[in-house]
Amino acid sequence: MKYRTKHIIEYVLLRGLLSLVNILPLRLALALGWLIGKLFFHVLRYRRDKAESRLKQVFGDRFTAQERKRIAWISLRNICFNAVEAARFGKLTPEQMRRMPLYNSIEQVHNDYKQNGPLIVATAHMGNWDLAGVASKLDGMPIFSIARRQKNPLTDELLNQMRNATGMEVVLNDSAVLKNVVRRLKAGEVLAILPDVRSATEALSIDFLGGKANLGAGAALFAQMASCPIYPVVLTRRGWTVHDCQVFAPIFPNPSADKKEDWQRMMQALVSIFDAEIHARPEQYFWFNKRWVLDPIKKS
């Protein structure tokens, strides 16, 4: 297979950065991420106007322009820190994870899993959201996630290697995703999913962040088909290296309800939890997402 020059350059740069952040001590690696974040935010102004306008859209006059700038900066810095930590997931041990503040919450979910069987862990784009799945896998839970293919096949393969570094498997979001996910859940596995992403096609209209979000029914559909609960989980970062995790009461499917009405109920209950947490700690949310959750879908 021949690769485009752009893809090769992206791959070489990514591979080089990954090698560097794995050689450096954690805080020095995070400092490198901080410098890259500063470059993108203050010099290149990467999607900064978008992020600040979204904060204005959601919060109105609750924050001043300076406060919105600060929230946007912490949000972008958090993404850079997440990338550094993801590159180092292969180094993370169960012993290190058990020393993290988030462990007690993850242990709670694991205990419920051992008692009651398969479940879905649903988290928003807050804190280092990937740690929910990674910590669960390191704690011995058979957890998997869903991922889309990247346009660059070289970086796609590299990113999948990073995801698999802790043993957490990835199911590709293709035509067989529904069948594969439900089969795994019924076999006793656990799904980690990020439902706060706008669907490209018309889906469920959910109240979120003061507007109407067009969200896929994925988490609710999987829960319904596999007869398992959804556990809402929110991660937050304190300072540079401390991660907290909050687990909320599980949301159960209602087998006697109309399927689509039950999708709506479960997704609204789930997203309302995320909404409250984002309003409480807006700097923890990913305001730079290209697929902004409140953007209208394109009509064909």
C-alpha atoms as a PDB file:
ATOM      1  CA  MET A   1       0.000   0.000   0.000  1.00  0.00           C
ATOM      2  CA  LYS A   2       1.327   3.456  -0.928  1.00  0.00           C
ATOM      3  CA  TYR A   3       0.944   6.203   1.677  1.00  0.00           C
ATOM      4  CA  ARG A   4       0.514   9.902   1.039  1.00  0.00           C
ATOM      5  CA  THR A   5       3.414  12.151   2.007  1.00  0.00           C
ATOM      6  CA  LYS A   6       1.162  13.958   4.474  1.00  0.00           C
ATOM      7  CA  HIS A   7       0.326  10.671   6.195  1.00  0.00           C
ATOM      8  CA  ILE A   8       3.989   9.703   6.487  1.00  0.00           C
ATOM      9  CA  ILE A   9       4.945  13.102   7.965  1.00  0.00           C
ATOM     10  CA  GLU A  10       2.070  12.920  10.489  1.00  0.00           C
ATOM     11  CA  TYR A  11       3.111   9.409  11.461  1.00  0.00           C
ATOM     12  CA  VAL A  12       6.801  10.300  11.914  1.00  0.00           C
ATOM     13  CA  LEU A  13       5.954  13.366  14.033  1.00  0.00           C
ATOM     14  CA  LEU A  14       3.517  11.395  16.170  1.00  0.00           C
ATOM     15  CA  ARG A  15       5.947   8.510  16.602  1.00  0.00           C
ATOM     16  CA  GLY A  16       8.705  10.951  17.616  1.00  0.00           C
ATOM     17  CA  LEU A  17       6.512  12.700  20.186  1.00  0.00           C
ATOM     18  CA  LEU A  18       5.373   9.372  21.613  1.00  0.00           C
ATOM     19  CA  SER A  19       8.951   8.228  22.030  1.00  0.00           C
ATOM     20  CA  LEU A  20       9.931  11.493  23.714  1.00  0.00           C
ATOM     21  CA  VAL A  21       7.072  11.559  26.241  1.00  0.00           C
ATOM     22  CA  ASN A  22       7.833   7.951  27.174  1.00  0.00           C
ATOM     23  CA  ILE A  23      11.503   8.720  27.828  1.00  0.00           C
ATOM     24  CA  LEU A  24      10.838  11.785  29.991  1.00  0.00           C
ATOM     25  CA  PRO A  25       9.622  11.629  33.608  1.00  0.00           C
ATOM     26  CA  LEU A  26       5.860  12.193  33.833  1.00  0.00           C
ATOM     27  CA  ARG A  27       5.966  15.830  34.946  1.00  0.00           C
ATOM     28  CA  LEU A  28       8.514  16.755  32.288  1.00  0.00           C
ATOM     29  CA  ALA A  29       6.380  14.993  29.669  1.00  0.00           C
ATOM     30  CA  LEU A  30       3.347  16.945  30.873  1.00  0.00           C
ATOM     31  CA  ALA A  31       5.419  20.149  30.732  1.00  0.00           C
ATOM     32  CA  LEU A  32       6.104  19.380  27.078  1.00  0.00           C
ATOM     33  CA  GLY A  33       2.358  18.941  26.560  1.00  0.00           C
ATOM     34  CA  TRP A  34       1.804  22.258  28.345  1.00  0.00           C
ATOM     35  CA  LEU A  35       4.246  24.018  25.968  1.00  0.00           C
ATOM     36  CA  ILE A  36       2.535  22.507  22.920  1.00  0.00           C
ATOM     37  CA  GLY A  37      -0.818  23.622  24.320  1.00  0.00           C
ATOM     38  CA  LYS A  38       0.517  27.157  24.806  1.00  0.00           C
ATOM     39  CA  LEU A  39       1.705  27.225  21.196  1.00  0.00           C
ATOM     40  CA  PHE A  40      -1.648  26.091  19.839  1.00  0.00           C
ATOM     41  CA  PHE A  41      -3.727  28.310  22.132  1.00  0.00           C
ATOM     42  CA  HIS A  42      -1.814  31.592  22.226  1.00  0.00           C
ATOM     43  CA  VAL A  43       0.160  31.594  18.968  1.00  0.00           C
ATOM     44  CA  LEU A  44      -1.753  29.469  16.479  1.00  0.00           C
ATOM     45  CA  ARG A  45      -5.090  30.161  18.236  1.00  0.00           C
ATOM     46  CA  TYR A  46      -6.247  26.647  17.292  1.00  0.00           C
ATOM     47  CA  ARG A  47     -10.072  26.662  17.363  1.00  0.00           C
ATOM     48  CA  ARG A  48      -9.858  29.118  20.247  1.00  0.00           C
ATOM     49  CA  ASP A  49     -12.552  31.437  18.919  1.00  0.00           C
ATOM     50  CA  LYS A  50     -14.843  28.421  18.446  1.00  0.00           C
ATOM     51  CA  ALA A  51     -14.313  27.264  22.020  1.00  0.00           C
ATOM     52  CA  GLU A  52     -14.901  30.718  23.508  1.00  0.00           C
ATOM     53  CA  SER A  53     -18.031  31.263  21.396  1.00  0.00           C
ATOM     54  CA  ARG A  54     -19.395  27.897  22.566  1.00  0.00           C
ATOM     55  CA  LEU A  55     -18.830  28.914  26.169  1.00  0.00           C
ATOM     56  CA  LYS A  56     -20.724  32.137  25.456  1.00  0.00           C
ATOM     57  CA  GLN A  57     -23.506  30.124  23.781  1.00  0.00           C
ATOM     58  CA  VAL A  58     -23.906  27.799  26.760  1.00  0.00           C
ATOM     59  CA  PHE A  59     -23.280  30.134  29.711  1.00  0.00           C
ATOM     60  CA  GLY A  60     -24.339  33.527  28.363  1.00  0.00           C
ATOM     61  CA  ASP A  61     -23.065  36.280  30.672  1.00  0.00           C
ATOM     62  CA  ARG A  62     -22.160  33.963  33.555  1.00  0.00           C
ATOM     63  CA  PHE A  63     -18.485  34.398  32.638  1.00  0.00           C
ATOM     64  CA  THR A  64     -16.539  37.436  31.453  1.00  0.00           C
ATOM     65  CA  ALA A  65     -14.512  37.279  28.234  1.00  0.00           C
ATOM     66  CA  GLN A  66     -11.355  36.811  30.330  1.00  0.00           C
ATOM     67  CA  GLU A  67     -12.937  33.968  32.274  1.00  0.00           C
ATOM     68  CA  ARG A  68     -14.048  32.265  29.053  1.00  0.00           C
ATOM     69  CA  LYS A  69     -10.480  32.545  27.773  1.00  0.00           C
ATOM     70  CA  ARG A  70      -9.152  30.911  30.951  1.00  0.00           C
ATOM     71  CA  ILE A  71     -11.709  28.067  30.792  1.00  0.00           C
ATOM     72  CA  ALA A  72     -10.863  27.452  27.127  1.00  0.00           C
ATOM     73  CA  TRP A  73      -7.134  27.396  27.916  1.00  0.00           C
ATOM     74  CA  ILE A  74      -7.517  24.831  30.725  1.00  0.00           C
ATOM     75  CA  SER A  75      -9.720  22.736  28.427  1.00  0.00           C
ATOM     76  CA  LEU A  76      -7.048  22.690  25.698  1.00  0.00           C
ATOM     77  CA  ARG A  77      -4.264  22.089  28.215  1.00  0.00           C
ATOM     78  CA  ASN A  78      -6.231  19.122  29.508  1.00  0.00           C
ATOM     79  CA  ILE A  79      -6.370  17.620  26.001  1.00  0.00           C
ATOM     80  CA  CYS A  80      -2.591  17.952  25.703  1.00  0.00           C
ATOM     81  CA  PHE A  81      -2.166  16.292  29.095  1.00  0.00           C
ATOM     82  CA  ASN A  82      -4.568  13.522  28.044  1.00  0.00           C
ATOM     83  CA  ALA A  83      -2.480  12.859  24.939  1.00  0.00           C
ATOM     84  CA  VAL A  84       0.708  12.619  27.009  1.00  0.00           C
ATOM     85  CA  GLU A  85      -0.931  10.231  29.467  1.00  0.00           C
ATOM     86  CA  ALA A  86      -2.419   8.121  26.676  1.00  0.00           C
ATOM     87  CA  ALA A  87       1.032   7.716  25.169  1.00  0.00           C
ATOM     88  CA  ARG A  88       2.187   6.333  28.520  1.00  0.00           C
ATOM     89  CA  PHE A  89      -0.737   3.978  29.215  1.00  0.00           C
ATOM     90  CA  GLY A  90       1.533   1.006  28.523  1.00  0.00           C
ATOM     91  CA  LYS A  91       3.578   2.016  31.591  1.00  0.00           C
ATOM     92  CA  LEU A  92       0.581   2.231  33.912  1.00  0.00           C
ATOM     93  CA  THR A  93       0.431  -0.675  36.379  1.00  0.00           C
ATOM     94  CA  PRO A  94      -2.454  -1.920  38.557  1.00  0.00           C
ATOM     95  CA  GLU A  95      -0.480  -0.815  41.626  1.00  0.00           C
ATOM     96  CA  GLN A  96      -0.141   2.753  40.305  1.00  0.00           C
ATOM     97  CA  MET A  97      -3.804   2.847  39.379  1.00  0.00           C
ATOM     98  CA  ARG A  98      -4.884   1.688  42.852  1.00  0.00           C
ATOM     99  CA  ARG A  99      -3.078   4.682  44.337  1.00  0.00           C
ATOM    100  CA  MET A 100      -5.171   7.086  42.253  1.00  0.00           C
ATOM    101  CA  PRO A 101      -8.184   8.801  43.895  1.00  0.00           C
ATOM    102  CA  LEU A 102     -10.395   7.467  41.085  1.00  0.00           C
ATOM    103  CA  TYR A 103      -9.772   3.851  42.099  1.00  0.00           C
ATOM    104  CA  ASN A 104     -12.485   3.617  44.778  1.00  0.00           C
ATOM    105  CA  SER A 105     -15.129   4.605  42.238  1.00  0.00           C
ATOM    106  CA  ILE A 106     -13.841   2.169  39.621  1.00  0.00           C
ATOM    107  CA  GLU A 107     -13.728  -0.567  42.262  1.00  0.00           C
ATOM    108  CA  GLN A 108     -17.391   0.135  43.028  1.00  0.00           C
ATOM    109  CA  VAL A 109     -18.312  -0.482  39.378  1.00  0.00           C
ATOM    110  CA  HIS A 110     -16.159  -3.611  39.297  1.00  0.00           C
ATOM    111  CA  ASN A 111     -17.900  -5.001  42.388  1.00  0.00           C
ATOM    112  CA  ASP A 112     -21.293  -4.376  40.792  1.00  0.00           C
ATOM    113  CA  TYR A 113     -20.066  -6.126  37.648  1.00  0.00           C
ATOM    114  CA  LYS A 114     -18.910  -9.187  39.606  1.00  0.00           C
ATOM    115  CA  GLN A 115     -22.282  -9.390  41.367  1.00  0.00           C
ATOM    116  CA  ASN A 116     -24.673  -8.553  38.529  1.00  0.00           C
ATOM    117  CA  GLY A 117     -22.888  -9.173  35.223  1.00  0.00           C
ATOM    118  CA  PRO A 118     -22.319  -7.022  32.112  1.00  0.00           C
ATOM    119  CA  LEU A 119     -22.843  -3.290  32.108  1.00  0.00           C
ATOM    120  CA  ILE A 120     -22.094  -0.131  30.124  1.00  0.00           C
ATOM    121  CA  VAL A 121     -19.768   2.585  31.429  1.00  0.00           C
ATOM    122  CA  ALA A 122     -20.822   5.882  29.804  1.00  0.00           C
ATOM    123  CA  THR A 123     -18.658   8.948  30.290  1.00  0.00           C
ATOM    124  CA  ALA A 124     -18.516  12.458  28.850  1.00  0.00           C
ATOM    125  CA  HIS A 125     -15.543  14.264  27.301  1.00  0.00           C
ATOM    126  CA  MET A 126     -14.401  15.501  30.725  1.00  0.00           C
ATOM    127  CA  GLY A 127     -11.060  15.156  32.493  1.00  0.00           C
ATOM    128  CA  ASN A 128      -9.079  12.232  31.094  1.00  0.00           C
ATOM    129  CA  TRP A 129     -12.103  10.236  29.981  1.00  0.00           C
ATOM    130  CA  ASP A 130      -9.966   7.365  28.654  1.00  0.00           C
ATOM    131  CA  LEU A 131      -8.825   6.570  32.190  1.00  0.00           C
ATOM    132  CA  ALA A 132     -12.265   5.182  33.061  1.00  0.00           C
ATOM    133  CA  GLY A 133     -11.749   2.304  30.653  1.00  0.00           C
ATOM    134  CA  VAL A 134      -8.021   1.905  31.262  1.00  0.00           C
ATOM    135  CA  ALA A 135      -8.413   1.774  35.044  1.00  0.00           C
ATOM    136  CA  SER A 136     -11.262  -0.720  34.702  1.00  0.00           C
ATOM    137  CA  LYS A 137      -9.156  -2.985  32.495  1.00  0.00           C
ATOM    138  CA  LEU A 138      -6.185  -2.816  34.839  1.00  0.00           C
ATOM    139  CA  ASP A 139      -8.539  -3.768  37.672  1.00  0.00           C
ATOM    140  CA  GLY A 140      -9.392  -6.970  35.797  1.00  0.00           C
ATOM    141  CA  MET A 141     -12.683  -5.980  34.171  1.00  0.00           C
ATOM    142  CA  PRO A 142     -13.148  -7.318  30.588  1.00  0.00           C
ATOM    143  CA  ILE A 143     -13.857  -3.917  29.059  1.00  0.00           C
ATOM    144  CA  PHE A 144     -13.858  -2.778  25.435  1.00  0.00           C
ATOM    145  CA  SER A 145     -14.646   0.424  23.545  1.00  0.00           C
ATOM    146  CA  ILE A 146     -15.747   1.648  20.116  1.00  0.00           C
ATOM    147  CA  ALA A 147     -13.479   3.667  17.807  1.00  0.00           C
ATOM    148  CA  ARG A 148     -13.710   5.177  14.348  1.00  0.00           C
ATOM    149  CA  ARG A 149     -11.023   4.644  11.746  1.00  0.00           C
ATOM    150  CA  GLN A 150      -8.701   7.614  11.238  1.00  0.00           C
ATOM    151  CA  LYS A 151      -8.181   9.055   7.763  1.00  0.00           C
ATOM    152  CA  ASN A 152      -4.447   8.387   8.075  1.00  0.00           C
ATOM    153  CA  PRO A 153      -3.994   4.567   8.098  1.00  0.00           C
ATOM    154  CA  LEU A 154      -0.517   4.862   9.635  1.00  0.00           C
ATOM    155  CA  THR A 155      -1.614   6.922  12.616  1.00  0.00           C
ATOM    156  CA  ASP A 156      -4.797   4.844  12.880  1.00  0.00           C
ATOM    157  CA  GLU A 157      -2.721   1.713  13.444  1.00  0.00           C
ATOM    158  CA  LEU A 158      -0.463   3.514  15.918  1.00  0.00           C
ATOM    159  CA  LEU A 159      -3.400   4.883  17.909  1.00  0.00           C
ATOM    160  CA  ASN A 160      -4.977   1.429  18.067  1.00  0.00           C
ATOM    161  CA  GLN A 161      -1.700   0.081  19.443  1.00  0.00           C
ATOM    162  CA  MET A 162      -1.841   2.758  22.152  1.00  0.00           C
ATOM    163  CA  ARG A 163      -5.456   1.867  22.968  1.00  0.00           C
ATOM    164  CA  ASN A 164      -4.555  -1.807  23.204  1.00  0.00           C
ATOM    165  CA  ALA A 165      -1.483  -1.204  25.379  1.00  0.00           C
ATOM    166  CA  THR A 166      -3.438  -2.045  28.534  1.00  0.00           C
ATOM    167  CA  GLY A 167      -5.275  -4.953  26.920  1.00  0.00           C
ATOM    168  CA  MET A 168      -8.532  -3.036  26.370  1.00  0.00           C
ATOM    169  CA  GLU A 169      -9.890  -4.084  22.993  1.00  0.00           C
ATOM    170  CA  VAL A 170     -11.423  -1.761  20.412  1.00  0.00           C
ATOM    171  CA  VAL A 171     -14.448  -2.523  18.241  1.00  0.00           C
ATOM    172  CA  LEU A 172     -14.442  -0.558  14.991  1.00  0.00           C
ATOM    173  CA  ASN A 173     -17.484   1.602  14.324  1.00  0.00           C
ATOM    174  CA  ASP A 174     -18.483  -0.071  11.068  1.00  0.00           C
ATOM    175  CA  SER A 175     -21.535  -1.866   9.689  1.00  0.00           C
ATOM    176  CA  ALA A 176     -21.087  -4.766  12.135  1.00  0.00           C
ATOM    177  CA  VAL A 177     -20.666  -2.631  15.273  1.00  0.00           C
ATOM    178  CA  LEU A 178     -24.169  -3.284  16.678  1.00  0.00           C
ATOM    179  CA  LYS A 179     -23.848  -7.047  16.317  1.00  0.00           C
ATOM    180  CA  ASN A 180     -20.318  -7.099  17.757  1.00  0.00           C
ATOM    181  CA  VAL A 181     -21.119  -4.901  20.761  1.00  0.00           C
ATOM    182  CA  VAL A 182     -24.296  -6.765  21.748  1.00  0.00           C
ATOM    183  CA  ARG A 183     -22.551 -10.129  21.339  1.00  0.00           C
ATOM    184  CA  ARG A 184     -19.740  -9.045  23.644  1.00  0.00           C
ATOM    185  CA  LEU A 185     -22.125  -7.640  26.259  1.00  0.00           C
ATOM    186  CA  LYS A 186     -24.201 -10.822  26.274  1.00  0.00           C
ATOM    187  CA  ALA A 187     -20.966 -12.792  26.655  1.00  0.00           C
ATOM    188  CA  GLY A 188     -20.272 -10.913  29.891  1.00  0.00           C
ATOM    189  CA  GLU A 189     -18.024  -8.053  28.814  1.00  0.00           C
ATOM    190  CA  VAL A 190     -18.268  -4.337  29.649  1.00  0.00           C
ATOM    191  CA  LEU A 191     -18.615  -1.497  27.140  1.00  0.00           C
ATOM    192  CA  ALA A 192     -17.004   1.934  27.657  1.00  0.00           C
ATOM    193  CA  ILE A 193     -18.732   4.586  25.541  1.00  0.00           C
ATOM    194  CA  LEU A 194     -18.720   8.364  25.007  1.00  0.00           C
ATOM    195  CA  PRO A 195     -22.316   9.335  24.128  1.00  0.00           C
ATOM    196  CA  ASP A 196     -21.965  13.153  24.125  1.00  0.00           C
ATOM    197  CA  VAL A 197     -21.115  13.326  20.401  1.00  0.00           C
ATOM    198  CA  ARG A 198     -23.409  14.799  17.763  1.00  0.00           C
ATOM    199  CA  SER A 199     -24.775  12.261  15.312  1.00  0.00           C
ATOM    200  CA  ALA A 200     -24.206  13.105  11.633  1.00  0.00           C
ATOM    201  CA  THR A 201     -27.709  11.860  10.777  1.00  0.00           C
ATOM    202  CA  GLU A 202     -31.040  12.597  12.418  1.00  0.00           C
ATOM    203  CA  ALA A 203     -31.258  10.774  15.739  1.00  0.00           C
ATOM    204  CA  LEU A 204     -32.590  11.620  19.221  1.00  0.00           C
ATOM    205  CA  SER A 205     -33.265  15.237  20.183  1.00  0.00           C
ATOM    206  CA  ILE A 206     -31.850  15.575  23.710  1.00  0.00           C
ATOM    207  CA  ASP A 207     -31.816  18.611  26.012  1.00  0.00           C
ATOM    208  CA  PHE A 208     -28.142  19.397  26.611  1.00  0.00           C
ATOM    209  CA  LEU A 209     -26.127  22.507  27.472  1.00  0.00           C
ATOM    210  CA  GLY A 210     -29.120  24.776  27.008  1.00  0.00           C
ATOM    211  CA  GLY A 211     -29.932  23.534  23.509  1.00  0.00           C
ATOM    212  CA  LYS A 212     -31.078  20.491  21.581  1.00  0.00           C
ATOM    213  CA  ALA A 213     -28.390  17.921  20.841  1.00  0.00           C
ATOM    214  CA  ASN A 214     -28.806  15.383  18.054  1.00  0.00           C
ATOM    215  CA  LEU A 215     -27.415  12.273  19.762  1.00  0.00           C
ATOM    216  CA  GLY A 216     -27.318   8.664  18.696  1.00  0.00           C
ATOM    217  CA  ALA A 217     -29.190   6.149  20.840  1.00  0.00           C
ATOM    218  CA  GLY A 218     -26.097   3.901  21.058  1.00  0.00           C
ATOM    219  CA  ALA A 219     -25.725   3.537  24.841  1.00  0.00           C
ATOM    220  CA  ALA A 220     -29.481   3.102  25.349  1.00  0.00           C
ATOM    221  CA  LEU A 221     -29.846   0.746  22.383  1.00  0.00           C
ATOM    222  CA  PHE A 222     -26.992  -1.489  23.567  1.00  0.00           C
ATOM    223  CA  ALA A 223     -28.391  -1.520  27.125  1.00  0.00           C
ATOM    224  CA  GLN A 224     -31.821  -2.468  25.851  1.00  0.00           C
ATOM    225  CA  MET A 225     -30.619  -5.240  23.535  1.00  0.00           C
ATOM    226  CA  ALA A 226     -28.233  -6.728  26.115  1.00  0.00           C
ATOM    227  CA  SER A 227     -30.578  -6.162  29.100  1.00  0.00           C
ATOM    228  CA  CYS A 228     -27.887  -4.396  31.112  1.00  0.00           C
ATOM    229  CA  PRO A 229     -27.586  -1.069  32.977  1.00  0.00           C
ATOM    230  CA  ILE A 230     -25.738   2.098  32.001  1.00  0.00           C
ATOM    231  CA  TYR A 231     -23.389   3.526  34.634  1.00  0.00           C
ATOM    232  CA  PRO A 232     -22.853   7.297  34.211  1.00  0.00           C
ATOM    233  CA  VAL A 233     -19.230   8.119  35.063  1.00  0.00           C
ATOM    234  CA  VAL A 234     -17.535  11.533  35.137  1.00  0.00           C
ATOM    235  CA  LEU A 235     -13.773  12.039  35.414  1.00  0.00           C
ATOM    236  CA  THR A 236     -12.106  15.270  36.455  1.00  0.00           C
ATOM    237  CA  ARG A 237      -8.494  16.394  36.677  1.00  0.00           C
ATOM    238  CA  ARG A 238      -7.096  18.197  39.713  1.00  0.00           C
ATOM    239  CA  GLY A 239      -3.948  20.141  38.909  1.00  0.00           C
ATOM    240  CA  TRP A 240      -1.701  18.250  36.526  1.00  0.00           C
ATOM    241  CA  THR A 241      -1.644  14.656  37.750  1.00  0.00           C
ATOM    242  CA  VAL A 242      -4.570  13.905  40.081  1.00  0.00           C
ATOM    243  CA  HIS A 243      -7.676  12.241  38.632  1.00  0.00           C
ATOM    244  CA  ASP A 244     -11.035  11.966  40.374  1.00  0.00           C
ATOM    245  CA  CYS A 245     -13.972   9.857  39.283  1.00  0.00           C
ATOM    246  CA  GLN A 246     -17.646  10.016  40.218  1.00  0.00           C
ATOM    247  CA  VAL A 247     -20.046   7.147  39.514  1.00  0.00           C
ATOM    248  CA  PHE A 248     -23.764   7.877  39.464  1.00  0.00           C
ATOM    249  CA  ALA A 249     -26.740   5.591  39.997  1.00  0.00           C
ATOM    250  CA  PRO A 250     -27.162   3.145  37.087  1.00  0.00           C
ATOM    251  CA  ILE A 251     -29.833   3.700  34.452  1.00  0.00           C
ATOM    252  CA  PHE A 252     -31.780   0.551  33.601  1.00  0.00           C
ATOM    253  CA  PRO A 253     -33.736  -0.234  30.426  1.00  0.00           C
ATOM    254  CA  ASN A 254     -37.479  -0.832  30.808  1.00  0.00           C
ATOM    255  CA  PRO A 255     -38.340  -4.015  28.865  1.00  0.00           C
ATOM    256  CA  SER A 256     -42.060  -3.208  28.936  1.00  0.00           C
ATOM    257  CA  ALA A 257     -41.717   0.315  27.487  1.00  0.00           C
ATOM    258  CA  ASP A 258     -41.833   1.369  23.852  1.00  0.00           C
ATOM    259  CA  LYS A 259     -38.289   0.929  22.523  1.00  0.00           C
ATOM    260  CA  LYS A 260     -37.821   4.420  21.097  1.00  0.00           C
ATOM    261  CA  GLU A 261     -39.440   6.094  24.094  1.00  0.00           C
ATOM    262  CA  ASP A 262     -37.097   4.146  26.351  1.00  0.00           C
ATOM    263  CA  TRP A 263     -34.077   5.242  24.278  1.00  0.00           C
ATOM    264  CA  GLN A 264     -35.176   8.845  24.772  1.00  0.00           C
ATOM    265  CA  ARG A 265     -35.685   8.389  28.508  1.00  0.00           C
ATOM    266  CA  MET A 266     -32.329   6.684  29.116  1.00  0.00           C
ATOM    267  CA  MET A 267     -30.310   9.076  26.970  1.00  0.00           C
ATOM    268  CA  GLN A 268     -31.938  12.146  28.522  1.00  0.00           C
ATOM    269  CA  ALA A 269     -31.298  10.827  32.035  1.00  0.00           C
ATOM    270  CA  LEU A 270     -27.677  10.101  31.143  1.00  0.00           C
ATOM    271  CA  VAL A 271     -26.945  13.398  29.422  1.00  0.00           C
ATOM    272  CA  SER A 272     -28.661  15.434  32.155  1.00  0.00           C
ATOM    273  CA  ILE A 273     -26.030  14.130  34.581  1.00  0.00           C
ATOM    274  CA  PHE A 274     -23.245  15.232  32.244  1.00  0.00           C
ATOM    275  CA  ASP A 275     -24.950  18.607  31.764  1.00  0.00           C
ATOM    276  CA  ALA A 276     -24.965  19.308  35.505  1.00  0.00           C
ATOM    277  CA  GLU A 277     -21.303  18.299  35.862  1.00  0.00           C
ATOM    278  CA  ILE A 278     -20.222  20.478  32.920  1.00  0.00           C
ATOM    279  CA  HIS A 279     -22.063  23.457  34.405  1.00  0.00           C
ATOM    280  CA  ALA A 280     -20.326  22.842  37.736  1.00  0.00           C
ATOM    281  CA  ARG A 281     -16.827  22.427  36.219  1.00  0.00           C
ATOM    282  CA  PRO A 282     -16.816  23.855  32.668  1.00  0.00           C
ATOM    283  CA  GLU A 283     -13.006  23.862  32.375  1.00  0.00           C
ATOM    284  CA  GLN A 284     -13.070  20.044  32.486  1.00  0.00           C
ATOM    285  CA  TYR A 285     -15.108  19.745  29.276  1.00  0.00           C
ATOM    286  CA  PHE A 286     -13.721  19.423  25.733  1.00  0.00           C
ATOM    287  CA  TRP A 287     -14.943  22.648  24.097  1.00  0.00           C
ATOM    288  CA  PHE A 288     -12.695  22.171  21.038  1.00  0.00           C
ATOM    289  CA  ASN A 289     -14.448  19.129  19.542  1.00  0.00           C
ATOM    290  CA  LYS A 290     -14.839  19.470  15.766  1.00  0.00           C
ATOM    291  CA  ARG A 291     -18.182  17.695  16.073  1.00  0.00           C
ATOM    292  CA  TRP A 292     -19.705  20.323  18.384  1.00  0.00           C
ATOM    293  CA  VAL A 293     -22.609  18.636  20.059  1.00  0.00           C
ATOM    294  CA  LEU A 294     -25.076  21.512  19.512  1.00  0.00           C
ATOM    295  CA  ASP A 295     -24.331  22.092  15.820  1.00  0.00           C
ATOM    296  CA  PRO A 296     -27.348  21.326  13.618  1.00  0.00           C
ATOM    297  CA  ILE A 297     -27.067  18.333  11.306  1.00  0.00           C
ATOM    298  CA  LYS A 298     -26.639  19.010   7.615  1.00  0.00           C
ATOM    299  CA  LYS A 299     -29.825  18.412   5.671  1.00  0.00           C
ATOM    300  CA  SER A 300     -29.350  16.476   2.445  1.00  0.00           C
END
